[in-house]
Amino acid sequence: RYDFGLEYLDFSKISSLDFEKPDTDVFEGLKMAYDS
């Protein structure tokens, strides 16, 4: 790994990390990919 001066993650600026199930009825392409 090398330090190229890219931005570091600042946890003090993160209020939450959210996760949810994708809606494959609306976003049908995801289900079609699984089926394929």
Full PDB file with SEQRES, HELIX, SHEET, SSBOND, CRYST1, ORIGX, SCALE, CONECT and MASTER records, all heavy atoms in Angstrom:
SEQRES   1 A   36  ARG TYR ASP PHE GLY LEU GLU TYR LEU ASP PHE SER LYS          
SEQRES   2 A   36  ILE SER SER LEU ASP PHE GLU LYS PRO ASP THR ASP VAL          
SEQRES   3 A   36  PHE GLU GLY LEU LYS MET ALA TYR ASP SER                      
HELIX    1 AA1 PHE A   11  LYS A   13  5                                   3    
HELIX    2 AA2 GLU A   28  ASP A   35  1                                   8    
CRYST1    1.000    1.000    1.000  90.00  90.00  90.00 P 1           1          
ORIGX1      1.000000  0.000000  0.000000        0.00000                         
ORIGX2      0.000000  1.000000  0.000000        0.00000                         
ORIGX3      0.000000  0.000000  1.000000        0.00000                         
SCALE1      1.000000  0.000000  0.000000        0.00000                         
SCALE2      0.000000  1.000000  0.000000        0.00000                         
SCALE3      0.000000  0.000000  1.000000        0.00000                         
ATOM      1  N   ARG A   1       0.848  -1.183   0.000  1.00  0.00           N  
ATOM      2  CA  ARG A   1       0.000   0.000   0.000  1.00  0.00           C  
ATOM      3  C   ARG A   1       0.882   1.232   0.000  1.00  0.00           C  
ATOM      4  O   ARG A   1       1.940   1.239   0.643  1.00  0.00           O  
ATOM      5  CB  ARG A   1      -0.917   0.026   1.235  1.00  0.00           C  
ATOM      6  CG  ARG A   1      -1.913  -1.127   1.313  1.00  0.00           C  
ATOM      7  CD  ARG A   1      -2.729  -1.032   2.595  1.00  0.00           C  
ATOM      8  NE  ARG A   1      -3.592  -2.183   2.790  1.00  0.00           N  
ATOM      9  CZ  ARG A   1      -4.863  -2.246   2.388  1.00  0.00           C  
ATOM     10  NH1 ARG A   1      -5.400  -1.198   1.770  1.00  0.00           N  
ATOM     11  NH2 ARG A   1      -5.584  -3.329   2.603  1.00  0.00           N  
ATOM     12  N   TYR A   2       0.452   2.275  -0.702  1.00  0.00           N  
ATOM     13  CA  TYR A   2       1.213   3.519  -0.736  1.00  0.00           C  
ATOM     14  C   TYR A   2       0.293   4.706  -0.439  1.00  0.00           C  
ATOM     15  O   TYR A   2      -0.888   4.693  -0.774  1.00  0.00           O  
ATOM     16  CB  TYR A   2       1.881   3.716  -2.104  1.00  0.00           C  
ATOM     17  CG  TYR A   2       3.042   2.788  -2.330  1.00  0.00           C  
ATOM     18  CD1 TYR A   2       2.867   1.564  -2.965  1.00  0.00           C  
ATOM     19  CD2 TYR A   2       4.321   3.115  -1.883  1.00  0.00           C  
ATOM     20  CE1 TYR A   2       3.933   0.699  -3.174  1.00  0.00           C  
ATOM     21  CE2 TYR A   2       5.385   2.262  -2.077  1.00  0.00           C  
ATOM     22  CZ  TYR A   2       5.189   1.054  -2.723  1.00  0.00           C  
ATOM     23  OH  TYR A   2       6.244   0.197  -2.908  1.00  0.00           O  
ATOM     24  N   ASP A   3       0.840   5.703   0.179  1.00  0.00           N  
ATOM     25  CA  ASP A   3       0.093   6.915   0.494  1.00  0.00           C  
ATOM     26  C   ASP A   3       0.248   7.900  -0.650  1.00  0.00           C  
ATOM     27  O   ASP A   3       1.344   8.434  -0.874  1.00  0.00           O  
ATOM     28  CB  ASP A   3       0.626   7.523   1.799  1.00  0.00           C  
ATOM     29  CG  ASP A   3      -0.104   8.808   2.181  1.00  0.00           C  
ATOM     30  OD1 ASP A   3      -1.085   9.163   1.487  1.00  0.00           O  
ATOM     31  OD2 ASP A   3       0.306   9.454   3.167  1.00  0.00           O  
ATOM     32  N   PHE A   4      -0.835   8.119  -1.380  1.00  0.00           N  
ATOM     33  CA  PHE A   4      -0.810   9.060  -2.500  1.00  0.00           C  
ATOM     34  C   PHE A   4      -1.475  10.374  -2.147  1.00  0.00           C  
ATOM     35  O   PHE A   4      -1.821  11.163  -3.025  1.00  0.00           O  
ATOM     36  CB  PHE A   4      -1.496   8.434  -3.719  1.00  0.00           C  
ATOM     37  CG  PHE A   4      -0.714   7.320  -4.343  1.00  0.00           C  
ATOM     38  CD1 PHE A   4      -1.098   6.002  -4.173  1.00  0.00           C  
ATOM     39  CD2 PHE A   4       0.419   7.583  -5.087  1.00  0.00           C  
ATOM     40  CE1 PHE A   4      -0.382   4.978  -4.738  1.00  0.00           C  
ATOM     41  CE2 PHE A   4       1.145   6.563  -5.662  1.00  0.00           C  
ATOM     42  CZ  PHE A   4       0.751   5.257  -5.489  1.00  0.00           C  
ATOM     43  N   GLY A   5      -1.694  10.597  -0.865  1.00  0.00           N  
ATOM     44  CA  GLY A   5      -2.346  11.829  -0.465  1.00  0.00           C  
ATOM     45  C   GLY A   5      -3.837  11.818  -0.701  1.00  0.00           C  
ATOM     46  O   GLY A   5      -4.462  12.885  -0.765  1.00  0.00           O  
ATOM     47  N   LEU A   6      -4.421  10.614  -0.839  1.00  0.00           N  
ATOM     48  CA  LEU A   6      -5.866  10.522  -1.011  1.00  0.00           C  
ATOM     49  C   LEU A   6      -6.557  10.785   0.322  1.00  0.00           C  
ATOM     50  O   LEU A   6      -5.961  10.667   1.386  1.00  0.00           O  
ATOM     51  CB  LEU A   6      -6.239   9.137  -1.546  1.00  0.00           C  
ATOM     52  CG  LEU A   6      -5.605   8.754  -2.888  1.00  0.00           C  
ATOM     53  CD1 LEU A   6      -6.050   7.363  -3.305  1.00  0.00           C  
ATOM     54  CD2 LEU A   6      -5.940   9.766  -3.971  1.00  0.00           C  
ATOM     55  N   GLU A   7      -7.830  11.119   0.247  1.00  0.00           N  
ATOM     56  CA  GLU A   7      -8.575  11.505   1.440  1.00  0.00           C  
ATOM     57  C   GLU A   7      -8.718  10.343   2.424  1.00  0.00           C  
ATOM     58  O   GLU A   7      -8.939   9.202   2.042  1.00  0.00           O  
ATOM     59  CB  GLU A   7      -9.969  11.997   1.037  1.00  0.00           C  
ATOM     60  CG  GLU A   7     -10.812  12.518   2.184  1.00  0.00           C  
ATOM     61  CD  GLU A   7     -12.188  12.965   1.737  1.00  0.00           C  
ATOM     62  OE1 GLU A   7     -12.437  12.980   0.518  1.00  0.00           O  
ATOM     63  OE2 GLU A   7     -13.005  13.287   2.614  1.00  0.00           O  
ATOM     64  N   TYR A   8      -8.585  10.658   3.708  1.00  0.00           N  
ATOM     65  CA  TYR A   8      -8.803   9.668   4.762  1.00  0.00           C  
ATOM     66  C   TYR A   8     -10.240   9.766   5.257  1.00  0.00           C  
ATOM     67  O   TYR A   8     -10.872  10.824   5.206  1.00  0.00           O  
ATOM     68  CB  TYR A   8      -7.841   9.894   5.931  1.00  0.00           C  
ATOM     69  CG  TYR A   8      -6.415   9.469   5.650  1.00  0.00           C  
ATOM     70  CD1 TYR A   8      -5.543  10.310   4.958  1.00  0.00           C  
ATOM     71  CD2 TYR A   8      -5.948   8.228   6.059  1.00  0.00           C  
ATOM     72  CE1 TYR A   8      -4.239   9.922   4.687  1.00  0.00           C  
ATOM     73  CE2 TYR A   8      -4.640   7.826   5.810  1.00  0.00           C  
ATOM     74  CZ  TYR A   8      -3.792   8.681   5.117  1.00  0.00           C  
ATOM     75  OH  TYR A   8      -2.503   8.286   4.850  1.00  0.00           O  
ATOM     76  N   LEU A   9     -10.736   8.646   5.763  1.00  0.00           N  
ATOM     77  CA  LEU A   9     -12.088   8.613   6.312  1.00  0.00           C  
ATOM     78  C   LEU A   9     -12.115   9.253   7.698  1.00  0.00           C  
ATOM     79  O   LEU A   9     -11.329   8.895   8.569  1.00  0.00           O  
ATOM     80  CB  LEU A   9     -12.566   7.158   6.403  1.00  0.00           C  
ATOM     81  CG  LEU A   9     -14.030   6.915   6.763  1.00  0.00           C  
ATOM     82  CD1 LEU A   9     -14.956   7.529   5.710  1.00  0.00           C  
ATOM     83  CD2 LEU A   9     -14.286   5.412   6.880  1.00  0.00           C  
ATOM     84  N   ASP A  10     -12.995  10.213   7.896  1.00  0.00           N  
ATOM     85  CA  ASP A  10     -13.120  10.915   9.177  1.00  0.00           C  
ATOM     86  C   ASP A  10     -14.416  10.457   9.855  1.00  0.00           C  
ATOM     87  O   ASP A  10     -15.513  10.880   9.493  1.00  0.00           O  
ATOM     88  CB  ASP A  10     -13.141  12.431   8.946  1.00  0.00           C  
ATOM     89  CG  ASP A  10     -13.154  13.227  10.250  1.00  0.00           C  
ATOM     90  OD1 ASP A  10     -13.369  12.626  11.318  1.00  0.00           O  
ATOM     91  OD2 ASP A  10     -12.960  14.459  10.178  1.00  0.00           O  
ATOM     92  N   PHE A  11     -14.281   9.563  10.842  1.00  0.00           N  
ATOM     93  CA  PHE A  11     -15.463   9.003  11.485  1.00  0.00           C  
ATOM     94  C   PHE A  11     -16.253  10.046  12.283  1.00  0.00           C  
ATOM     95  O   PHE A  11     -17.444   9.863  12.527  1.00  0.00           O  
ATOM     96  CB  PHE A  11     -15.066   7.845  12.408  1.00  0.00           C  
ATOM     97  CG  PHE A  11     -14.822   6.554  11.666  1.00  0.00           C  
ATOM     98  CD1 PHE A  11     -13.548   6.197  11.271  1.00  0.00           C  
ATOM     99  CD2 PHE A  11     -15.873   5.717  11.347  1.00  0.00           C  
ATOM    100  CE1 PHE A  11     -13.319   5.019  10.582  1.00  0.00           C  
ATOM    101  CE2 PHE A  11     -15.654   4.533  10.652  1.00  0.00           C  
ATOM    102  CZ  PHE A  11     -14.381   4.181  10.269  1.00  0.00           C  
ATOM    103  N   SER A  12     -15.603  11.146  12.645  1.00  0.00           N  
ATOM    104  CA  SER A  12     -16.324  12.177  13.386  1.00  0.00           C  
ATOM    105  C   SER A  12     -17.375  12.867  12.536  1.00  0.00           C  
ATOM    106  O   SER A  12     -18.276  13.536  13.050  1.00  0.00           O  
ATOM    107  CB  SER A  12     -15.337  13.222  13.933  1.00  0.00           C  
ATOM    108  OG  SER A  12     -14.776  13.986  12.873  1.00  0.00           O  
ATOM    109  N   LYS A  13     -17.266  12.695  11.212  1.00  0.00           N  
ATOM    110  CA  LYS A  13     -18.219  13.327  10.300  1.00  0.00           C  
ATOM    111  C   LYS A  13     -19.302  12.350   9.834  1.00  0.00           C  
ATOM    112  O   LYS A  13     -20.162  12.704   9.012  1.00  0.00           O  
ATOM    113  CB  LYS A  13     -17.487  13.899   9.090  1.00  0.00           C  
ATOM    114  CG  LYS A  13     -16.514  15.018   9.435  1.00  0.00           C  
ATOM    115  CD  LYS A  13     -15.813  15.537   8.193  1.00  0.00           C  
ATOM    116  CE  LYS A  13     -14.828  16.653   8.531  1.00  0.00           C  
ATOM    117  NZ  LYS A  13     -14.113  17.145   7.328  1.00  0.00           N  
ATOM    118  N   ILE A  14     -19.253  11.106  10.333  1.00  0.00           N  
ATOM    119  CA  ILE A  14     -20.226  10.097   9.921  1.00  0.00           C  
ATOM    120  C   ILE A  14     -21.250   9.909  11.040  1.00  0.00           C  
ATOM    121  O   ILE A  14     -20.907   9.453  12.130  1.00  0.00           O  
ATOM    122  CB  ILE A  14     -19.535   8.762   9.611  1.00  0.00           C  
ATOM    123  CG1 ILE A  14     -18.512   8.944   8.481  1.00  0.00           C  
ATOM    124  CG2 ILE A  14     -20.566   7.699   9.219  1.00  0.00           C  
ATOM    125  CD1 ILE A  14     -17.666   7.727   8.232  1.00  0.00           C  
ATOM    126  N   SER A  15     -22.487  10.258  10.786  1.00  0.00           N  
ATOM    127  CA  SER A  15     -23.511  10.154  11.824  1.00  0.00           C  
ATOM    128  C   SER A  15     -24.121   8.761  11.893  1.00  0.00           C  
ATOM    129  O   SER A  15     -24.598   8.329  12.953  1.00  0.00           O  
ATOM    130  CB  SER A  15     -24.616  11.187  11.588  1.00  0.00           C  
ATOM    131  OG  SER A  15     -25.217  10.990  10.317  1.00  0.00           O  
ATOM    132  N   SER A  16     -24.110   8.042  10.752  1.00  0.00           N  
ATOM    133  CA  SER A  16     -24.694   6.704  10.750  1.00  0.00           C  
ATOM    134  C   SER A  16     -24.223   5.922   9.529  1.00  0.00           C  
ATOM    135  O   SER A  16     -23.805   6.497   8.518  1.00  0.00           O  
ATOM    136  CB  SER A  16     -26.227   6.775  10.738  1.00  0.00           C  
ATOM    137  OG  SER A  16     -26.683   7.372   9.538  1.00  0.00           O  
ATOM    138  N   LEU A  17     -24.284   4.612   9.647  1.00  0.00           N  
ATOM    139  CA  LEU A  17     -24.051   3.700   8.530  1.00  0.00           C  
ATOM    140  C   LEU A  17     -25.306   2.845   8.411  1.00  0.00           C  
ATOM    141  O   LEU A  17     -25.615   2.052   9.304  1.00  0.00           O  
ATOM    142  CB  LEU A  17     -22.821   2.823   8.777  1.00  0.00           C  
ATOM    143  CG  LEU A  17     -21.470   3.544   8.859  1.00  0.00           C  
ATOM    144  CD1 LEU A  17     -20.363   2.565   9.233  1.00  0.00           C  
ATOM    145  CD2 LEU A  17     -21.142   4.229   7.529  1.00  0.00           C  
ATOM    146  N   ASP A  18     -26.051   3.027   7.332  1.00  0.00           N  
ATOM    147  CA  ASP A  18     -27.350   2.372   7.173  1.00  0.00           C  
ATOM    148  C   ASP A  18     -27.270   1.250   6.145  1.00  0.00           C  
ATOM    149  O   ASP A  18     -26.531   1.342   5.153  1.00  0.00           O  
ATOM    150  CB  ASP A  18     -28.398   3.394   6.725  1.00  0.00           C  
ATOM    151  CG  ASP A  18     -28.544   4.535   7.714  1.00  0.00           C  
ATOM    152  OD1 ASP A  18     -28.694   4.250   8.912  1.00  0.00           O  
ATOM    153  OD2 ASP A  18     -28.485   5.709   7.289  1.00  0.00           O  
ATOM    154  N   PHE A  19     -28.081   0.214   6.368  1.00  0.00           N  
ATOM    155  CA  PHE A  19     -28.142  -0.922   5.461  1.00  0.00           C  
ATOM    156  C   PHE A  19     -29.598  -1.343   5.306  1.00  0.00           C  
ATOM    157  O   PHE A  19     -30.360  -1.324   6.270  1.00  0.00           O  
ATOM    158  CB  PHE A  19     -27.307  -2.097   5.997  1.00  0.00           C  
ATOM    159  CG  PHE A  19     -25.864  -1.755   6.218  1.00  0.00           C  
ATOM    160  CD1 PHE A  19     -25.434  -1.295   7.460  1.00  0.00           C  
ATOM    161  CD2 PHE A  19     -24.943  -1.865   5.192  1.00  0.00           C  
ATOM    162  CE1 PHE A  19     -24.104  -0.955   7.673  1.00  0.00           C  
ATOM    163  CE2 PHE A  19     -23.614  -1.529   5.394  1.00  0.00           C  
ATOM    164  CZ  PHE A  19     -23.194  -1.071   6.628  1.00  0.00           C  
ATOM    165  N   GLU A  20     -29.966  -1.720   4.080  1.00  0.00           N  
ATOM    166  CA  GLU A  20     -31.341  -2.154   3.834  1.00  0.00           C  
ATOM    167  C   GLU A  20     -31.375  -3.142   2.680  1.00  0.00           C  
ATOM    168  O   GLU A  20     -30.460  -3.187   1.844  1.00  0.00           O  
ATOM    169  CB  GLU A  20     -32.241  -0.957   3.536  1.00  0.00           C  
ATOM    170  CG  GLU A  20     -31.811  -0.159   2.324  1.00  0.00           C  
ATOM    171  CD  GLU A  20     -32.494   1.194   2.230  1.00  0.00           C  
ATOM    172  OE1 GLU A  20     -32.473   1.954   3.226  1.00  0.00           O  
ATOM    173  OE2 GLU A  20     -33.045   1.494   1.148  1.00  0.00           O  
ATOM    174  N   LYS A  21     -32.426  -3.913   2.629  1.00  0.00           N  
ATOM    175  CA  LYS A  21     -32.586  -4.902   1.573  1.00  0.00           C  
ATOM    176  C   LYS A  21     -32.974  -4.225   0.263  1.00  0.00           C  
ATOM    177  O   LYS A  21     -33.844  -3.352   0.245  1.00  0.00           O  
ATOM    178  CB  LYS A  21     -33.660  -5.915   1.979  1.00  0.00           C  
ATOM    179  CG  LYS A  21     -33.799  -7.097   1.045  1.00  0.00           C  
ATOM    180  CD  LYS A  21     -34.815  -8.091   1.592  1.00  0.00           C  
ATOM    181  CE  LYS A  21     -34.943  -9.306   0.668  1.00  0.00           C  
ATOM    182  NZ  LYS A  21     -35.918 -10.290   1.224  1.00  0.00           N  
ATOM    183  N   PRO A  22     -32.362  -4.611  -0.846  1.00  0.00           N  
ATOM    184  CA  PRO A  22     -32.746  -3.996  -2.128  1.00  0.00           C  
ATOM    185  C   PRO A  22     -34.147  -4.427  -2.544  1.00  0.00           C  
ATOM    186  O   PRO A  22     -34.576  -5.548  -2.263  1.00  0.00           O  
ATOM    187  CB  PRO A  22     -31.689  -4.534  -3.101  1.00  0.00           C  
ATOM    188  CG  PRO A  22     -31.200  -5.804  -2.482  1.00  0.00           C  
ATOM    189  CD  PRO A  22     -31.262  -5.587  -1.002  1.00  0.00           C  
ATOM    190  N   ASP A  23     -34.859  -3.524  -3.207  1.00  0.00           N  
ATOM    191  CA  ASP A  23     -36.211  -3.812  -3.678  1.00  0.00           C  
ATOM    192  C   ASP A  23     -36.129  -4.371  -5.098  1.00  0.00           C  
ATOM    193  O   ASP A  23     -36.085  -3.623  -6.077  1.00  0.00           O  
ATOM    194  CB  ASP A  23     -37.050  -2.532  -3.650  1.00  0.00           C  
ATOM    195  CG  ASP A  23     -38.526  -2.802  -3.925  1.00  0.00           C  
ATOM    196  OD1 ASP A  23     -38.838  -3.862  -4.495  1.00  0.00           O  
ATOM    197  OD2 ASP A  23     -39.357  -1.945  -3.571  1.00  0.00           O  
ATOM    198  N   THR A  24     -36.113  -5.696  -5.209  1.00  0.00           N  
ATOM    199  CA  THR A  24     -35.961  -6.317  -6.531  1.00  0.00           C  
ATOM    200  C   THR A  24     -37.258  -6.320  -7.330  1.00  0.00           C  
ATOM    201  O   THR A  24     -37.248  -6.644  -8.516  1.00  0.00           O  
ATOM    202  CB  THR A  24     -35.430  -7.755  -6.391  1.00  0.00           C  
ATOM    203  OG1 THR A  24     -36.276  -8.493  -5.503  1.00  0.00           O  
ATOM    204  CG2 THR A  24     -34.011  -7.758  -5.856  1.00  0.00           C  
ATOM    205  N   ASP A  25     -38.377  -5.975  -6.703  1.00  0.00           N  
ATOM    206  CA  ASP A  25     -39.617  -5.810  -7.464  1.00  0.00           C  
ATOM    207  C   ASP A  25     -39.574  -4.527  -8.282  1.00  0.00           C  
ATOM    208  O   ASP A  25     -40.074  -4.470  -9.411  1.00  0.00           O  
ATOM    209  CB  ASP A  25     -40.828  -5.781  -6.527  1.00  0.00           C  
ATOM    210  CG  ASP A  25     -41.112  -7.137  -5.908  1.00  0.00           C  
ATOM    211  OD1 ASP A  25     -40.809  -8.155  -6.553  1.00  0.00           O  
ATOM    212  OD2 ASP A  25     -41.624  -7.174  -4.780  1.00  0.00           O  
ATOM    213  N   VAL A  26     -38.966  -3.479  -7.714  1.00  0.00           N  
ATOM    214  CA  VAL A  26     -38.822  -2.208  -8.428  1.00  0.00           C  
ATOM    215  C   VAL A  26     -37.596  -2.246  -9.333  1.00  0.00           C  
ATOM    216  O   VAL A  26     -37.668  -1.917 -10.522  1.00  0.00           O  
ATOM    217  CB  VAL A  26     -38.727  -1.035  -7.439  1.00  0.00           C  
ATOM    218  CG1 VAL A  26     -38.455   0.270  -8.191  1.00  0.00           C  
ATOM    219  CG2 VAL A  26     -40.016  -0.914  -6.634  1.00  0.00           C  
ATOM    220  N   PHE A  27     -36.473  -2.665  -8.782  1.00  0.00           N  
ATOM    221  CA  PHE A  27     -35.217  -2.714  -9.541  1.00  0.00           C  
ATOM    222  C   PHE A  27     -35.026  -4.140 -10.057  1.00  0.00           C  
ATOM    223  O   PHE A  27     -34.228  -4.926  -9.552  1.00  0.00           O  
ATOM    224  CB  PHE A  27     -34.060  -2.238  -8.664  1.00  0.00           C  
ATOM    225  CG  PHE A  27     -34.215  -0.810  -8.215  1.00  0.00           C  
ATOM    226  CD1 PHE A  27     -34.757  -0.509  -6.976  1.00  0.00           C  
ATOM    227  CD2 PHE A  27     -33.859   0.225  -9.055  1.00  0.00           C  
ATOM    228  CE1 PHE A  27     -34.926   0.804  -6.566  1.00  0.00           C  
ATOM    229  CE2 PHE A  27     -34.023   1.550  -8.661  1.00  0.00           C  
ATOM    230  CZ  PHE A  27     -34.567   1.835  -7.421  1.00  0.00           C  
ATOM    231  N   GLU A  28     -35.790  -4.436 -11.122  1.00  0.00           N  
ATOM    232  CA  GLU A  28     -35.906  -5.803 -11.623  1.00  0.00           C  
ATOM    233  C   GLU A  28     -34.597  -6.369 -12.170  1.00  0.00           C  
ATOM    234  O   GLU A  28     -34.408  -7.582 -12.226  1.00  0.00           O  
ATOM    235  CB  GLU A  28     -36.965  -5.856 -12.719  1.00  0.00           C  
ATOM    236  CG  GLU A  28     -38.333  -5.375 -12.306  1.00  0.00           C  
ATOM    237  CD  GLU A  28     -39.257  -5.255 -13.502  1.00  0.00           C  
ATOM    238  OE1 GLU A  28     -39.354  -6.224 -14.273  1.00  0.00           O  
ATOM    239  OE2 GLU A  28     -39.876  -4.183 -13.672  1.00  0.00           O  
ATOM    240  N   GLY A  29     -33.694  -5.495 -12.585  1.00  0.00           N  
ATOM    241  CA  GLY A  29     -32.448  -5.950 -13.189  1.00  0.00           C  
ATOM    242  C   GLY A  29     -31.614  -6.792 -12.242  1.00  0.00           C  
ATOM    243  O   GLY A  29     -30.922  -7.725 -12.672  1.00  0.00           O  
ATOM    244  N   LEU A  30     -31.679  -6.496 -10.950  1.00  0.00           N  
ATOM    245  CA  LEU A  30     -30.899  -7.251  -9.981  1.00  0.00           C  
ATOM    246  C   LEU A  30     -31.394  -8.695  -9.904  1.00  0.00           C  
ATOM    247  O   LEU A  30     -30.602  -9.638  -9.904  1.00  0.00           O  
ATOM    248  CB  LEU A  30     -30.969  -6.585  -8.608  1.00  0.00           C  
ATOM    249  CG  LEU A  30     -30.175  -7.250  -7.482  1.00  0.00           C  
ATOM    250  CD1 LEU A  30     -28.715  -7.399  -7.841  1.00  0.00           C  
ATOM    251  CD2 LEU A  30     -30.326  -6.433  -6.189  1.00  0.00           C  
ATOM    252  N   LYS A  31     -32.702  -8.883  -9.867  1.00  0.00           N  
ATOM    253  CA  LYS A  31     -33.246 -10.246  -9.830  1.00  0.00           C  
ATOM    254  C   LYS A  31     -32.945 -10.986 -11.125  1.00  0.00           C  
ATOM    255  O   LYS A  31     -32.600 -12.183 -11.110  1.00  0.00           O  
ATOM    256  CB  LYS A  31     -34.756 -10.217  -9.598  1.00  0.00           C  
ATOM    257  CG  LYS A  31     -35.363 -11.611  -9.450  1.00  0.00           C  
ATOM    258  CD  LYS A  31     -36.851 -11.566  -9.200  1.00  0.00           C  
ATOM    259  CE  LYS A  31     -37.400 -12.967  -8.905  1.00  0.00           C  
ATOM    260  NZ  LYS A  31     -37.085 -13.941  -9.960  1.00  0.00           N  
ATOM    261  N   MET A  32     -33.044 -10.310 -12.259  1.00  0.00           N  
ATOM    262  CA  MET A  32     -32.745 -10.953 -13.539  1.00  0.00           C  
ATOM    263  C   MET A  32     -31.292 -11.395 -13.602  1.00  0.00           C  
ATOM    264  O   MET A  32     -30.967 -12.434 -14.192  1.00  0.00           O  
ATOM    265  CB  MET A  32     -33.091 -10.017 -14.697  1.00  0.00           C  
ATOM    266  CG  MET A  32     -34.583  -9.902 -14.964  1.00  0.00           C  
ATOM    267  SD  MET A  32     -34.970  -9.048 -16.518  1.00  0.00           S  
ATOM    268  CE  MET A  32     -34.815  -7.334 -16.017  1.00  0.00           C  
ATOM    269  N   ALA A  33     -30.416 -10.628 -12.985  1.00  0.00           N  
ATOM    270  CA  ALA A  33     -29.001 -11.003 -12.952  1.00  0.00           C  
ATOM    271  C   ALA A  33     -28.798 -12.279 -12.136  1.00  0.00           C  
ATOM    272  O   ALA A  33     -28.066 -13.188 -12.558  1.00  0.00           O  
ATOM    273  CB  ALA A  33     -28.167  -9.867 -12.372  1.00  0.00           C  
ATOM    274  N   TYR A  34     -29.423 -12.342 -10.969  1.00  0.00           N  
ATOM    275  CA  TYR A  34     -29.337 -13.555 -10.156  1.00  0.00           C  
ATOM    276  C   TYR A  34     -29.861 -14.763 -10.932  1.00  0.00           C  
ATOM    277  O   TYR A  34     -29.233 -15.827 -10.971  1.00  0.00           O  
ATOM    278  CB  TYR A  34     -30.130 -13.385  -8.860  1.00  0.00           C  
ATOM    279  CG  TYR A  34     -29.341 -12.832  -7.700  1.00  0.00           C  
ATOM    280  CD1 TYR A  34     -29.413 -11.487  -7.359  1.00  0.00           C  
ATOM    281  CD2 TYR A  34     -28.526 -13.660  -6.931  1.00  0.00           C  
ATOM    282  CE1 TYR A  34     -28.698 -10.971  -6.286  1.00  0.00           C  
ATOM    283  CE2 TYR A  34     -27.810 -13.156  -5.856  1.00  0.00           C  
ATOM    284  CZ  TYR A  34     -27.902 -11.817  -5.532  1.00  0.00           C  
ATOM    285  OH  TYR A  34     -27.177 -11.318  -4.469  1.00  0.00           O  
ATOM    286  N   ASP A  35     -31.021 -14.606 -11.545  1.00  0.00           N  
ATOM    287  CA  ASP A  35     -31.622 -15.708 -12.293  1.00  0.00           C  
ATOM    288  C   ASP A  35     -30.723 -16.143 -13.453  1.00  0.00           C  
ATOM    289  O   ASP A  35     -30.563 -17.346 -13.714  1.00  0.00           O  
ATOM    290  CB  ASP A  35     -32.992 -15.297 -12.836  1.00  0.00           C  
ATOM    291  CG  ASP A  35     -34.031 -15.112 -11.744  1.00  0.00           C  
ATOM    292  OD1 ASP A  35     -33.798 -15.590 -10.614  1.00  0.00           O  
ATOM    293  OD2 ASP A  35     -35.062 -14.462 -12.022  1.00  0.00           O  
ATOM    294  N   SER A  36     -30.122 -15.177 -14.137  1.00  0.00           N  
ATOM    295  CA  SER A  36     -29.239 -15.488 -15.264  1.00  0.00           C  
ATOM    296  C   SER A  36     -28.011 -16.247 -14.802  1.00  0.00           C  
ATOM    297  O   SER A  36     -27.579 -17.213 -15.439  1.00  0.00           O  
ATOM    298  CB  SER A  36     -28.822 -14.194 -15.973  1.00  0.00           C  
ATOM    299  OG  SER A  36     -29.929 -13.534 -16.537  1.00  0.00           O  
TER     300      SER A  36                                                      
MASTER        0    0    0    2    0    0    0    6  299    1    0    3          
END                                                                             
